[in-house]
C-alpha cells in the first residue's frame, strides 16, 4: 500500500469484519501455543478446560505492530458462530461453504 499507492501507515483506515470470536473459537494446544508465542497470553482464554482464541485481538495487535493507529481500526464486533441467521460459520455448521469479501479502488474523478 505504501509503495504502490503512497499510503502512510499512520493514516490508513482498516476494517475488521464479522468473524468467529473467543466465545466460540476453540483451538487445540498447538494453535493456542503458537498464537500465545506470537501475540502473548492475552489472545488466549481458558474456559471449561478448553483454549479459546481471541482472533480479533490478535489482528489488532498485529495492526499495531505494523504502525496502524488504534483510531484507524473499525471493527464489526459480531461473532459469525453466534449469529446463524446472519452468517455462515464453518466451525458451527461443519460445511464446505465459504464467505468472501473484497474492496475495490475506483478512479478518482
PDB file of N, CA and C in Angstrom:
ATOM      1  N   UNK A   1       0.835  -1.193   0.000  1.00  0.00           N
ATOM      2  CA  UNK A   1       0.000   0.000   0.000  1.00  0.00           C
ATOM      3  C   UNK A   1       0.877   1.253   0.000  1.00  0.00           C
ATOM      4  N   UNK A   2       1.953   1.212   0.784  1.00  0.00           N
ATOM      5  CA  UNK A   2       2.819   2.384   0.840  1.00  0.00           C
ATOM      6  C   UNK A   2       3.530   2.604  -0.491  1.00  0.00           C
ATOM      7  N   UNK A   3       4.126   1.542  -1.020  1.00  0.00           N
ATOM      8  CA  UNK A   3       4.891   1.674  -2.250  1.00  0.00           C
ATOM      9  C   UNK A   3       4.027   1.913  -3.475  1.00  0.00           C
ATOM     10  N   UNK A   4       2.936   1.197  -3.594  1.00  0.00           N
ATOM     11  CA  UNK A   4       2.085   1.286  -4.781  1.00  0.00           C
ATOM     12  C   UNK A   4       1.193   2.518  -4.788  1.00  0.00           C
ATOM     13  N   UNK A   5       0.574   2.820  -3.649  1.00  0.00           N
ATOM     14  CA  UNK A   5      -0.404   3.897  -3.604  1.00  0.00           C
ATOM     15  C   UNK A   5       0.059   5.123  -2.826  1.00  0.00           C
ATOM     16  N   UNK A   6       1.238   5.062  -2.215  1.00  0.00           N
ATOM     17  CA  UNK A   6       1.741   6.205  -1.453  1.00  0.00           C
ATOM     18  C   UNK A   6       1.026   6.412  -0.129  1.00  0.00           C
ATOM     19  N   UNK A   7       0.414   5.367   0.396  1.00  0.00           N
ATOM     20  CA  UNK A   7      -0.296   5.470   1.679  1.00  0.00           C
ATOM     21  C   UNK A   7       0.709   5.525   2.825  1.00  0.00           C
ATOM     22  N   UNK A   8       0.346   6.221   3.875  1.00  0.00           N
ATOM     23  CA  UNK A   8       1.158   6.244   5.093  1.00  0.00           C
ATOM     24  C   UNK A   8       0.455   5.405   6.145  1.00  0.00           C
ATOM     25  N   UNK A   9       1.222   4.551   6.811  1.00  0.00           N
ATOM     26  CA  UNK A   9       0.627   3.633   7.790  1.00  0.00           C
ATOM     27  C   UNK A   9      -0.176   4.364   8.853  1.00  0.00           C
ATOM     28  N   UNK A  10       0.328   5.465   9.333  1.00  0.00           N
ATOM     29  CA  UNK A  10      -0.360   6.210  10.381  1.00  0.00           C
ATOM     30  C   UNK A  10      -1.654   6.856   9.931  1.00  0.00           C
ATOM     31  N   UNK A  11      -1.894   6.884   8.621  1.00  0.00           N
ATOM     32  CA  UNK A  11      -3.116   7.488   8.081  1.00  0.00           C
ATOM     33  C   UNK A  11      -4.093   6.457   7.526  1.00  0.00           C
ATOM     34  N   UNK A  12      -3.692   5.197   7.523  1.00  0.00           N
ATOM     35  CA  UNK A  12      -4.562   4.154   6.964  1.00  0.00           C
ATOM     36  C   UNK A  12      -5.748   3.869   7.879  1.00  0.00           C
ATOM     37  N   UNK A  13      -6.832   3.466   7.257  1.00  0.00           N
ATOM     38  CA  UNK A  13      -8.025   3.027   7.979  1.00  0.00           C
ATOM     39  C   UNK A  13      -8.240   1.563   7.611  1.00  0.00           C
ATOM     40  N   UNK A  14      -8.424   0.737   8.627  1.00  0.00           N
ATOM     41  CA  UNK A  14      -8.576  -0.702   8.426  1.00  0.00           C
ATOM     42  C   UNK A  14      -9.924  -1.141   8.979  1.00  0.00           C
ATOM     43  N   UNK A  15     -10.616  -1.975   8.245  1.00  0.00           N
ATOM     44  CA  UNK A  15     -11.879  -2.534   8.715  1.00  0.00           C
ATOM     45  C   UNK A  15     -11.730  -4.016   9.019  1.00  0.00           C
ATOM     46  N   UNK A  16     -12.243  -4.428  10.164  1.00  0.00           N
ATOM     47  CA  UNK A  16     -12.270  -5.844  10.531  1.00  0.00           C
ATOM     48  C   UNK A  16     -13.734  -6.259  10.565  1.00  0.00           C
ATOM     49  N   UNK A  17     -14.100  -7.142   9.680  1.00  0.00           N
ATOM     50  CA  UNK A  17     -15.492  -7.560   9.587  1.00  0.00           C
ATOM     51  C   UNK A  17     -15.855  -8.614  10.613  1.00  0.00           C
ATOM     52  N   UNK A  18     -17.085  -9.092  10.568  1.00  0.00           N
ATOM     53  CA  UNK A  18     -17.514 -10.148  11.481  1.00  0.00           C
ATOM     54  C   UNK A  18     -16.654 -11.395  11.300  1.00  0.00           C
ATOM     55  N   UNK A  19     -16.457 -12.109  12.373  1.00  0.00           N
ATOM     56  CA  UNK A  19     -15.679 -13.347  12.329  1.00  0.00           C
ATOM     57  C   UNK A  19     -15.872 -14.100  13.630  1.00  0.00           C
ATOM     58  N   UNK A  20     -15.417 -15.313  13.654  1.00  0.00           N
ATOM     59  CA  UNK A  20     -15.539 -16.092  14.882  1.00  0.00           C
ATOM     60  C   UNK A  20     -14.691 -15.444  15.973  1.00  0.00           C
ATOM     61  N   UNK A  21     -15.210 -15.449  17.192  1.00  0.00           N
ATOM     62  CA  UNK A  21     -14.558 -14.750  18.294  1.00  0.00           C
ATOM     63  C   UNK A  21     -14.241 -15.726  19.425  1.00  0.00           C
ATOM     64  N   UNK A  22     -13.608 -15.203  20.456  1.00  0.00           N
ATOM     65  CA  UNK A  22     -13.154 -16.037  21.576  1.00  0.00           C
ATOM     66  C   UNK A  22     -14.295 -16.785  22.268  1.00  0.00           C
ATOM     67  N   UNK A  23     -15.517 -16.310  22.139  1.00  0.00           N
ATOM     68  CA  UNK A  23     -16.645 -17.014  22.753  1.00  0.00           C
ATOM     69  C   UNK A  23     -16.846 -18.397  22.130  1.00  0.00           C
ATOM     70  N   UNK A  24     -16.435 -18.563  20.861  1.00  0.00           N
ATOM     71  CA  UNK A  24     -16.708 -19.800  20.131  1.00  0.00           C
ATOM     72  C   UNK A  24     -15.490 -20.454  19.479  1.00  0.00           C
ATOM     73  N   UNK A  25     -14.382 -19.755  19.404  1.00  0.00           N
ATOM     74  CA  UNK A  25     -13.233 -20.246  18.629  1.00  0.00           C
ATOM     75  C   UNK A  25     -12.310 -21.106  19.483  1.00  0.00           C
ATOM     76  N   UNK A  26     -12.730 -22.332  19.708  1.00  0.00           N
ATOM     77  CA  UNK A  26     -11.924 -23.284  20.488  1.00  0.00           C
ATOM     78  C   UNK A  26     -10.804 -23.824  19.600  1.00  0.00           C
ATOM     79  N   UNK A  27      -9.590 -23.835  20.157  1.00  0.00           N
ATOM     80  CA  UNK A  27      -8.429 -24.306  19.406  1.00  0.00           C
ATOM     81  C   UNK A  27      -7.683 -25.361  20.212  1.00  0.00           C
ATOM     82  N   UNK A  28      -6.851 -26.129  19.533  1.00  0.00           N
ATOM     83  CA  UNK A  28      -6.063 -27.127  20.253  1.00  0.00           C
ATOM     84  C   UNK A  28      -4.830 -26.467  20.868  1.00  0.00           C
ATOM     85  N   UNK A  29      -4.118 -27.240  21.649  1.00  0.00           N
ATOM     86  CA  UNK A  29      -2.980 -26.705  22.397  1.00  0.00           C
ATOM     87  C   UNK A  29      -1.892 -26.147  21.480  1.00  0.00           C
ATOM     88  N   UNK A  30      -1.646 -26.807  20.361  1.00  0.00           N
ATOM     89  CA  UNK A  30      -0.619 -26.346  19.428  1.00  0.00           C
ATOM     90  C   UNK A  30      -0.928 -24.979  18.850  1.00  0.00           C
ATOM     91  N   UNK A  31      -2.167 -24.783  18.432  1.00  0.00           N
ATOM     92  CA  UNK A  31      -2.585 -23.484  17.893  1.00  0.00           C
ATOM     93  C   UNK A  31      -2.537 -22.424  18.987  1.00  0.00           C
ATOM     94  N   UNK A  32      -3.041 -22.765  20.162  1.00  0.00           N
ATOM     95  CA  UNK A  32      -3.014 -21.824  21.281  1.00  0.00           C
ATOM     96  C   UNK A  32      -1.605 -21.390  21.629  1.00  0.00           C
ATOM     97  N   UNK A  33      -0.679 -22.347  21.679  1.00  0.00           N
ATOM     98  CA  UNK A  33       0.714 -22.022  21.994  1.00  0.00           C
ATOM     99  C   UNK A  33       1.338 -21.141  20.921  1.00  0.00           C
ATOM    100  N   UNK A  34       1.055 -21.435  19.659  1.00  0.00           N
ATOM    101  CA  UNK A  34       1.620 -20.642  18.566  1.00  0.00           C
ATOM    102  C   UNK A  34       1.132 -19.195  18.628  1.00  0.00           C
ATOM    103  N   UNK A  35      -0.161 -19.011  18.870  1.00  0.00           N
ATOM    104  CA  UNK A  35      -0.690 -17.649  18.961  1.00  0.00           C
ATOM    105  C   UNK A  35      -0.179 -16.939  20.206  1.00  0.00           C
ATOM    106  N   UNK A  36      -0.101 -17.645  21.328  1.00  0.00           N
ATOM    107  CA  UNK A  36       0.418 -17.041  22.560  1.00  0.00           C
ATOM    108  C   UNK A  36       1.874 -16.629  22.383  1.00  0.00           C
ATOM    109  N   UNK A  37       2.644 -17.429  21.668  1.00  0.00           N
ATOM    110  CA  UNK A  37       4.048 -17.099  21.418  1.00  0.00           C
ATOM    111  C   UNK A  37       4.167 -15.858  20.537  1.00  0.00           C
ATOM    112  N   UNK A  38       3.296 -15.746  19.545  1.00  0.00           N
ATOM    113  CA  UNK A  38       3.350 -14.613  18.620  1.00  0.00           C
ATOM    114  C   UNK A  38       2.743 -13.336  19.183  1.00  0.00           C
ATOM    115  N   UNK A  39       1.667 -13.465  19.974  1.00  0.00           N
ATOM    116  CA  UNK A  39       0.911 -12.288  20.392  1.00  0.00           C
ATOM    117  C   UNK A  39       0.799 -12.104  21.896  1.00  0.00           C
ATOM    118  N   UNK A  40       1.224 -13.082  22.670  1.00  0.00           N
ATOM    119  CA  UNK A  40       1.089 -13.004  24.121  1.00  0.00           C
ATOM    120  C   UNK A  40      -0.139 -13.763  24.598  1.00  0.00           C
ATOM    121  N   UNK A  41      -0.148 -14.021  25.890  1.00  0.00           N
ATOM    122  CA  UNK A  41      -1.232 -14.799  26.504  1.00  0.00           C
ATOM    123  C   UNK A  41      -2.598 -14.125  26.392  1.00  0.00           C
ATOM    124  N   UNK A  42      -2.619 -12.816  26.154  1.00  0.00           N
ATOM    125  CA  UNK A  42      -3.891 -12.088  26.116  1.00  0.00           C
ATOM    126  C   UNK A  42      -4.811 -12.507  24.974  1.00  0.00           C
ATOM    127  N   UNK A  43      -4.285 -13.232  23.982  1.00  0.00           N
ATOM    128  CA  UNK A  43      -5.140 -13.667  22.874  1.00  0.00           C
ATOM    129  C   UNK A  43      -5.758 -15.043  23.108  1.00  0.00           C
ATOM    130  N   UNK A  44      -5.436 -15.669  24.242  1.00  0.00           N
ATOM    131  CA  UNK A  44      -5.962 -16.992  24.570  1.00  0.00           C
ATOM    132  C   UNK A  44      -6.789 -16.909  25.852  1.00  0.00           C
ATOM    133  N   UNK A  45      -7.979 -17.486  25.813  1.00  0.00           N
ATOM    134  CA  UNK A  45      -8.826 -17.569  27.003  1.00  0.00           C
ATOM    135  C   UNK A  45      -8.998 -19.039  27.375  1.00  0.00           C
ATOM    136  N   UNK A  46      -8.909 -19.330  28.656  1.00  0.00           N
ATOM    137  CA  UNK A  46      -9.128 -20.687  29.154  1.00  0.00           C
ATOM    138  C   UNK A  46     -10.527 -20.743  29.748  1.00  0.00           C
ATOM    139  N   UNK A  47     -11.390 -21.580  29.144  1.00  0.00           N
ATOM    140  CA  UNK A  47     -12.773 -21.708  29.615  1.00  0.00           C
ATOM    141  C   UNK A  47     -13.171 -23.175  29.591  1.00  0.00           C
ATOM    142  N   UNK A  48     -13.700 -23.657  30.694  1.00  0.00           N
ATOM    143  CA  UNK A  48     -14.209 -25.026  30.749  1.00  0.00           C
ATOM    144  C   UNK A  48     -13.187 -26.071  30.331  1.00  0.00           C
ATOM    145  N   UNK A  49     -11.940 -25.828  30.622  1.00  0.00           N
ATOM    146  CA  UNK A  49     -10.889 -26.770  30.261  1.00  0.00           C
ATOM    147  C   UNK A  49     -10.421 -26.670  28.822  1.00  0.00           C
ATOM    148  N   UNK A  50     -10.964 -25.722  28.057  1.00  0.00           N
ATOM    149  CA  UNK A  50     -10.564 -25.557  26.658  1.00  0.00           C
ATOM    150  C   UNK A  50      -9.864 -24.233  26.422  1.00  0.00           C
ATOM    151  N   UNK A  51      -9.134 -24.164  25.319  1.00  0.00           N
ATOM    152  CA  UNK A  51      -8.467 -22.931  24.910  1.00  0.00           C
ATOM    153  C   UNK A  51      -9.294 -22.262  23.821  1.00  0.00           C
ATOM    154  N   UNK A  52      -9.518 -20.965  23.969  1.00  0.00           N
ATOM    155  CA  UNK A  52     -10.306 -20.208  23.005  1.00  0.00           C
ATOM    156  C   UNK A  52      -9.486 -19.026  22.516  1.00  0.00           C
ATOM    157  N   UNK A  53      -9.444 -18.849  21.200  1.00  0.00           N
ATOM    158  CA  UNK A  53      -8.616 -17.834  20.568  1.00  0.00           C
ATOM    159  C   UNK A  53      -9.406 -16.553  20.336  1.00  0.00           C
ATOM    160  N   UNK A  54      -8.833 -15.441  20.773  1.00  0.00           N
ATOM    161  CA  UNK A  54      -9.400 -14.118  20.508  1.00  0.00           C
ATOM    162  C   UNK A  54      -8.722 -13.581  19.254  1.00  0.00           C
ATOM    163  N   UNK A  55      -9.186 -14.037  18.100  1.00  0.00           N
ATOM    164  CA  UNK A  55      -8.583 -13.676  16.830  1.00  0.00           C
ATOM    165  C   UNK A  55      -8.643 -12.171  16.558  1.00  0.00           C
ATOM    166  N   UNK A  56      -9.765 -11.486  16.819  1.00  0.00           N
ATOM    167  CA  UNK A  56      -9.767 -10.038  16.614  1.00  0.00           C
ATOM    168  C   UNK A  56      -8.688  -9.322  17.436  1.00  0.00           C
ATOM    169  N   UNK A  57      -8.436  -9.773  18.659  1.00  0.00           N
ATOM    170  CA  UNK A  57      -7.378  -9.162  19.478  1.00  0.00           C
ATOM    171  C   UNK A  57      -6.017  -9.361  18.818  1.00  0.00           C
ATOM    172  N   UNK A  58      -5.767 -10.549  18.292  1.00  0.00           N
ATOM    173  CA  UNK A  58      -4.506 -10.810  17.592  1.00  0.00           C
ATOM    174  C   UNK A  58      -4.370  -9.899  16.372  1.00  0.00           C
ATOM    175  N   UNK A  59      -5.460  -9.694  15.648  1.00  0.00           N
ATOM    176  CA  UNK A  59      -5.434  -8.806  14.479  1.00  0.00           C
ATOM    177  C   UNK A  59      -5.121  -7.378  14.917  1.00  0.00           C
ATOM    178  N   UNK A  60      -5.769  -6.901  15.975  1.00  0.00           N
ATOM    179  CA  UNK A  60      -5.483  -5.555  16.490  1.00  0.00           C
ATOM    180  C   UNK A  60      -4.010  -5.418  16.873  1.00  0.00           C
ATOM    181  N   UNK A  61      -3.457  -6.416  17.554  1.00  0.00           N
ATOM    182  CA  UNK A  61      -2.049  -6.371  17.956  1.00  0.00           C
ATOM    183  C   UNK A  61      -1.132  -6.332  16.738  1.00  0.00           C
ATOM    184  N   UNK A  62      -1.429  -7.146  15.731  1.00  0.00           N
ATOM    185  CA  UNK A  62      -0.604  -7.158  14.521  1.00  0.00           C
ATOM    186  C   UNK A  62      -0.688  -5.826  13.783  1.00  0.00           C
ATOM    187  N   UNK A  63      -1.871  -5.253  13.696  1.00  0.00           N
ATOM    188  CA  UNK A  63      -2.008  -3.947  13.046  1.00  0.00           C
ATOM    189  C   UNK A  63      -1.199  -2.886  13.782  1.00  0.00           C
ATOM    190  N   UNK A  64      -1.212  -2.937  15.110  1.00  0.00           N
ATOM    191  CA  UNK A  64      -0.402  -2.007  15.896  1.00  0.00           C
ATOM    192  C   UNK A  64       1.076  -2.173  15.607  1.00  0.00           C
ATOM    193  N   UNK A  65       1.534  -3.400  15.495  1.00  0.00           N
ATOM    194  CA  UNK A  65       2.941  -3.668  15.159  1.00  0.00           C
ATOM    195  C   UNK A  65       3.302  -3.103  13.786  1.00  0.00           C
ATOM    196  N   UNK A  66       2.325  -3.093  12.896  1.00  0.00           N
ATOM    197  CA  UNK A  66       2.553  -2.593  11.544  1.00  0.00           C
ATOM    198  C   UNK A  66       2.473  -1.074  11.454  1.00  0.00           C
ATOM    199  N   UNK A  67       2.140  -0.428  12.561  1.00  0.00           N
ATOM    200  CA  UNK A  67       2.083   1.033  12.570  1.00  0.00           C
ATOM    201  C   UNK A  67       0.721   1.627  12.280  1.00  0.00           C
ATOM    202  N   UNK A  68      -0.316   0.803  12.296  1.00  0.00           N
ATOM    203  CA  UNK A  68      -1.678   1.307  12.087  1.00  0.00           C
ATOM    204  C   UNK A  68      -2.182   1.854  13.420  1.00  0.00           C
ATOM    205  N   UNK A  69      -2.654   3.089  13.406  1.00  0.00           N
ATOM    206  CA  UNK A  69      -3.155   3.712  14.633  1.00  0.00           C
ATOM    207  C   UNK A  69      -4.414   3.002  15.120  1.00  0.00           C
ATOM    208  N   UNK A  70      -4.550   2.911  16.434  1.00  0.00           N
ATOM    209  CA  UNK A  70      -5.729   2.294  17.051  1.00  0.00           C
ATOM    210  C   UNK A  70      -7.012   2.982  16.571  1.00  0.00           C
ATOM    211  N   UNK A  71      -6.958   4.301  16.435  1.00  0.00           N
ATOM    212  CA  UNK A  71      -8.124   5.073  15.987  1.00  0.00           C
ATOM    213  C   UNK A  71      -8.456   4.807  14.521  1.00  0.00           C
ATOM    214  N   UNK A  72      -7.525   4.210  13.795  1.00  0.00           N
ATOM    215  CA  UNK A  72      -7.741   3.924  12.386  1.00  0.00           C
ATOM    216  C   UNK A  72      -8.312   2.543  12.120  1.00  0.00           C
ATOM    217  N   UNK A  73      -8.709   1.841  13.177  1.00  0.00           N
ATOM    218  CA  UNK A  73      -9.248   0.488  13.017  1.00  0.00           C
ATOM    219  C   UNK A  73     -10.726   0.485  13.391  1.00  0.00           C
ATOM    220  N   UNK A  74     -11.562   0.097  12.449  1.00  0.00           N
ATOM    221  CA  UNK A  74     -13.001  -0.043  12.696  1.00  0.00           C
ATOM    222  C   UNK A  74     -13.331  -1.534  12.680  1.00  0.00           C
ATOM    223  N   UNK A  75     -14.147  -1.952  13.619  1.00  0.00           N
ATOM    224  CA  UNK A  75     -14.451  -3.380  13.747  1.00  0.00           C
ATOM    225  C   UNK A  75     -15.951  -3.601  13.886  1.00  0.00           C
ATOM    226  N   UNK A  76     -16.449  -4.629  13.203  1.00  0.00           N
ATOM    227  CA  UNK A  76     -17.819  -5.084  13.400  1.00  0.00           C
ATOM    228  C   UNK A  76     -17.733  -6.202  14.438  1.00  0.00           C
ATOM    229  N   UNK A  77     -18.144  -5.943  15.679  1.00  0.00           N
ATOM    230  CA  UNK A  77     -17.907  -6.897  16.771  1.00  0.00           C
ATOM    231  C   UNK A  77     -18.955  -8.013  16.869  1.00  0.00           C
ATOM    232  N   UNK A  78     -19.179  -8.695  15.762  1.00  0.00           N
ATOM    233  CA  UNK A  78     -20.151  -9.789  15.752  1.00  0.00           C
ATOM    234  C   UNK A  78     -19.441 -11.112  15.513  1.00  0.00           C
ATOM    235  N   UNK A  79     -19.820 -12.111  16.285  1.00  0.00           N
ATOM    236  CA  UNK A  79     -19.279 -13.460  16.118  1.00  0.00           C
ATOM    237  C   UNK A  79     -20.128 -14.198  15.082  1.00  0.00           C
ATOM    238  N   UNK A  80     -19.479 -14.683  14.041  1.00  0.00           N
ATOM    239  CA  UNK A  80     -20.219 -15.391  12.994  1.00  0.00           C
ATOM    240  C   UNK A  80     -20.811 -16.704  13.492  1.00  0.00           C
ATOM    241  N   UNK A  81     -20.190 -17.303  14.491  1.00  0.00           N
ATOM    242  CA  UNK A  81     -20.714 -18.559  15.032  1.00  0.00           C
ATOM    243  C   UNK A  81     -21.948 -18.335  15.902  1.00  0.00           C
ATOM    244  N   UNK A  82     -22.013 -17.213  16.577  1.00  0.00           N
ATOM    245  CA  UNK A  82     -23.142 -16.908  17.474  1.00  0.00           C
ATOM    246  C   UNK A  82     -24.393 -16.430  16.739  1.00  0.00           C
ATOM    247  N   UNK A  83     -24.263 -16.039  15.468  1.00  0.00           N
ATOM    248  CA  UNK A  83     -25.382 -15.432  14.742  1.00  0.00           C
ATOM    249  C   UNK A  83     -25.723 -16.227  13.475  1.00  0.00           C
ATOM    250  N   UNK A  84     -26.355 -17.394  13.632  1.00  0.00           N
ATOM    251  CA  UNK A  84     -26.621 -18.253  12.475  1.00  0.00           C
ATOM    252  C   UNK A  84     -27.583 -17.656  11.454  1.00  0.00           C
ATOM    253  N   UNK A  85     -28.423 -16.712  11.861  1.00  0.00           N
ATOM    254  CA  UNK A  85     -29.339 -16.098  10.897  1.00  0.00           C
ATOM    255  C   UNK A  85     -28.644 -15.038  10.047  1.00  0.00           C
ATOM    256  N   UNK A  86     -27.484 -14.577  10.499  1.00  0.00           N
ATOM    257  CA  UNK A  86     -26.752 -13.543   9.771  1.00  0.00           C
ATOM    258  C   UNK A  86     -25.559 -14.072   8.984  1.00  0.00           C
ATOM    259  N   UNK A  87     -24.891 -15.113   9.525  1.00  0.00           N
ATOM    260  CA  UNK A  87     -23.616 -15.532   8.945  1.00  0.00           C
ATOM    261  C   UNK A  87     -23.494 -17.047   8.853  1.00  0.00           C
ATOM    262  N   UNK A  88     -22.772 -17.484   7.843  1.00  0.00           N
ATOM    263  CA  UNK A  88     -22.329 -18.870   7.762  1.00  0.00           C
ATOM    264  C   UNK A  88     -21.121 -19.009   8.682  1.00  0.00           C
ATOM    265  N   UNK A  89     -20.939 -20.168   9.268  1.00  0.00           N
ATOM    266  CA  UNK A  89     -19.758 -20.446  10.081  1.00  0.00           C
ATOM    267  C   UNK A  89     -19.329 -21.884   9.849  1.00  0.00           C
ATOM    268  N   UNK A  90     -18.134 -22.055   9.315  1.00  0.00           N
ATOM    269  CA  UNK A  90     -17.618 -23.405   9.101  1.00  0.00           C
ATOM    270  C   UNK A  90     -17.534 -24.158  10.418  1.00  0.00           C
ATOM    271  N   UNK A  91     -17.035 -23.514  11.460  1.00  0.00           N
ATOM    272  CA  UNK A  91     -16.883 -24.188  12.754  1.00  0.00           C
ATOM    273  C   UNK A  91     -18.236 -24.553  13.361  1.00  0.00           C
ATOM    274  N   UNK A  92     -19.222 -23.731  13.170  1.00  0.00           N
ATOM    275  CA  UNK A  92     -20.546 -24.021  13.726  1.00  0.00           C
ATOM    276  C   UNK A  92     -21.276 -25.068  12.891  1.00  0.00           C
ATOM    277  N   UNK A  93     -21.244 -24.914  11.559  1.00  0.00           N
ATOM    278  CA  UNK A  93     -22.050 -25.744  10.671  1.00  0.00           C
ATOM    279  C   UNK A  93     -21.316 -26.962  10.108  1.00  0.00           C
ATOM    280  N   UNK A  94     -19.985 -26.921  10.085  1.00  0.00           N
ATOM    281  CA  UNK A  94     -19.203 -28.032   9.556  1.00  0.00           C
ATOM    282  C   UNK A  94     -19.401 -28.277   8.072  1.00  0.00           C
ATOM    283  N   UNK A  95     -19.715 -27.247   7.305  1.00  0.00           N
ATOM    284  CA  UNK A  95     -19.925 -27.391   5.867  1.00  0.00           C
ATOM    285  C   UNK A  95     -18.716 -26.868   5.103  1.00  0.00           C
ATOM    286  N   UNK A  96     -18.748 -27.054   3.803  1.00  0.00           N
ATOM    287  CA  UNK A  96     -17.667 -26.568   2.944  1.00  0.00           C
ATOM    288  C   UNK A  96     -17.949 -25.162   2.408  1.00  0.00           C
ATOM    289  N   UNK A  97     -19.051 -24.552   2.821  1.00  0.00           N
ATOM    290  CA  UNK A  97     -19.375 -23.212   2.349  1.00  0.00           C
ATOM    291  C   UNK A  97     -18.335 -22.220   2.849  1.00  0.00           C
ATOM    292  N   UNK A  98     -18.109 -21.165   2.096  1.00  0.00           N
ATOM    293  CA  UNK A  98     -17.146 -20.137   2.465  1.00  0.00           C
ATOM    294  C   UNK A  98     -17.767 -18.765   2.225  1.00  0.00           C
ATOM    295  N   UNK A  99     -17.142 -17.764   2.828  1.00  0.00           N
ATOM    296  CA  UNK A  99     -17.534 -16.382   2.600  1.00  0.00           C
ATOM    297  C   UNK A  99     -16.369 -15.669   1.933  1.00  0.00           C
ATOM    298  N   UNK A 100     -16.674 -14.634   1.177  1.00  0.00           N
ATOM    299  CA  UNK A 100     -15.625 -13.865   0.538  1.00  0.00           C
ATOM    300  C   UNK A 100     -16.003 -12.388   0.590  1.00  0.00           C
ATOM    301  N   UNK A 101     -15.025 -11.565   0.836  1.00  0.00           N
ATOM    302  CA  UNK A 101     -15.209 -10.120   0.838  1.00  0.00           C
ATOM    303  C   UNK A 101     -14.128  -9.508  -0.025  1.00  0.00           C
ATOM    304  N   UNK A 102     -14.403  -8.342  -0.552  1.00  0.00           N
ATOM    305  CA  UNK A 102     -13.364  -7.651  -1.304  1.00  0.00           C
ATOM    306  C   UNK A 102     -13.618  -6.154  -1.250  1.00  0.00           C
ATOM    307  N   UNK A 103     -12.560  -5.418  -1.534  1.00  0.00           N
ATOM    308  CA  UNK A 103     -12.626  -3.964  -1.615  1.00  0.00           C
ATOM    309  C   UNK A 103     -11.997  -3.573  -2.941  1.00  0.00           C
ATOM    310  N   UNK A 104     -12.611  -2.650  -3.635  1.00  0.00           N
ATOM    311  CA  UNK A 104     -12.072  -2.183  -4.907  1.00  0.00           C
ATOM    312  C   UNK A 104     -11.840  -0.681  -4.836  1.00  0.00           C
ATOM    313  N   UNK A 105     -10.779  -0.237  -5.457  1.00  0.00           N
ATOM    314  CA  UNK A 105     -10.480   1.192  -5.520  1.00  0.00           C
ATOM    315  C   UNK A 105     -10.882   1.675  -6.900  1.00  0.00           C
ATOM    316  N   UNK A 106     -11.786   2.640  -6.925  1.00  0.00           N
ATOM    317  CA  UNK A 106     -12.229   3.198  -8.189  1.00  0.00           C
ATOM    318  C   UNK A 106     -11.368   4.380  -8.611  1.00  0.00           C
ATOM    319  N   UNK A 107     -11.569   4.828  -9.822  1.00  0.00           N
ATOM    320  CA  UNK A 107     -10.858   6.007 -10.313  1.00  0.00           C
ATOM    321  C   UNK A 107     -11.403   7.253  -9.634  1.00  0.00           C
ATOM    322  N   UNK A 108     -10.490   8.156  -9.280  1.00  0.00           N
ATOM    323  CA  UNK A 108     -10.933   9.425  -8.688  1.00  0.00           C
ATOM    324  C   UNK A 108     -11.455  10.298  -9.813  1.00  0.00           C
ATOM    325  N   UNK A 109     -12.433  11.107  -9.476  1.00  0.00           N
ATOM    326  CA  UNK A 109     -12.896  11.854 -10.598  1.00  0.00           C
ATOM    327  C   UNK A 109     -13.774  12.951 -10.306  1.00  0.00           C
TER     328      UNK A 109
END
